[in-house]
Protein backbone atom coordinates (compact mmCIF):
# COMPACT_ATOMS: atom_id res chain seq x y z
CA UNK A 1 -7.07 33.93 0.90
CA UNK A 2 -7.20 30.93 3.34
CA UNK A 3 -3.99 29.15 4.43
CA UNK A 4 -3.41 25.74 3.02
CA UNK A 5 -4.03 22.72 5.50
CA UNK A 6 -0.72 20.83 6.26
CA UNK A 7 -0.89 17.14 5.67
CA UNK A 8 1.01 14.81 7.69
CA UNK A 9 4.26 13.13 6.49
CA UNK A 10 4.43 9.49 5.87
CA UNK A 11 6.53 7.51 8.51
CA UNK A 12 8.72 4.42 8.02
CA UNK A 13 7.07 1.53 9.84
CA UNK A 14 9.34 0.44 12.72
CA UNK A 15 8.51 -3.09 12.48
CA UNK A 16 9.11 -3.32 8.83
CA UNK A 17 12.45 -1.37 9.22
CA UNK A 18 13.75 -4.20 11.52
CA UNK A 19 12.61 -7.21 9.45
CA UNK A 20 12.79 -6.28 5.72
CA UNK A 21 15.46 -4.90 3.36
CA UNK A 22 15.30 -3.55 -0.06
CA UNK A 23 17.94 -4.78 -2.49
CA UNK A 24 19.90 -2.67 -4.92
CA UNK A 25 17.45 -3.39 -7.66
CA UNK A 26 14.36 -2.56 -5.61
CA UNK A 27 13.31 -5.95 -4.60
CA UNK A 28 12.04 -6.69 -1.15
CA UNK A 29 13.92 -9.49 0.80
CA UNK A 30 13.28 -10.89 4.33
CA UNK A 31 14.50 -13.87 6.33
CA UNK A 32 12.30 -16.81 6.78
CA UNK A 33 10.96 -17.55 10.38
CA UNK A 34 11.82 -20.26 12.61
CA UNK A 35 15.65 -20.33 12.69
CA UNK A 36 16.55 -18.30 15.67
CA UNK A 37 15.96 -20.59 18.78
CA UNK A 38 14.76 -24.05 19.64
CA UNK A 39 16.97 -25.49 16.78
CA UNK A 40 17.72 -28.74 18.37
CA UNK A 41 14.36 -30.67 17.39
CA UNK A 42 14.51 -29.36 13.80
CA UNK A 43 16.24 -31.33 11.04
CA UNK A 44 18.89 -30.11 8.75
CA UNK A 45 16.51 -29.59 5.89
CA UNK A 46 14.41 -27.23 7.99
CA UNK A 47 17.41 -25.24 9.17
CA UNK A 48 18.81 -24.83 5.71
CA UNK A 49 15.42 -23.74 4.13
CA UNK A 50 14.72 -21.52 7.20
CA UNK A 51 18.05 -19.66 7.08
CA UNK A 52 17.46 -18.36 3.48
CA UNK A 53 16.49 -14.97 2.23
CA UNK A 54 13.27 -14.69 0.68
CA UNK A 55 12.28 -12.44 -2.00
CA UNK A 56 8.83 -11.16 -1.39
CA UNK A 57 6.61 -10.75 -4.42
CA UNK A 58 3.03 -9.37 -5.42
CA UNK A 59 0.82 -7.36 -3.17
CA UNK A 60 2.86 -7.98 -0.07
CA UNK A 61 6.00 -6.43 -1.67
CA UNK A 62 4.11 -3.43 -2.78
CA UNK A 63 2.69 -3.00 0.83
CA UNK A 64 6.15 -3.37 2.43
CA UNK A 65 7.72 -0.94 -0.07
CA UNK A 66 5.03 1.62 1.08
CA UNK A 67 5.85 0.92 4.80
CA UNK A 68 9.59 1.49 4.10
CA UNK A 69 9.27 4.59 2.04
CA UNK A 70 10.16 7.72 3.98
């Protein structure tokens, strides 16, 4: 009887781990871009909208959940 071939384990994606979080209810959240540096030329509206957490939906959320599963 031949031995079973081992399959590789799925790894957590390092880039997604740094940038994306899962909420307690399983939603994917991330922060919008453009609010880290060079803030002086931006107006208040851009800074307020840029600093918010964004809930990712649809196919992107499904892909990110797969990248975060370990």
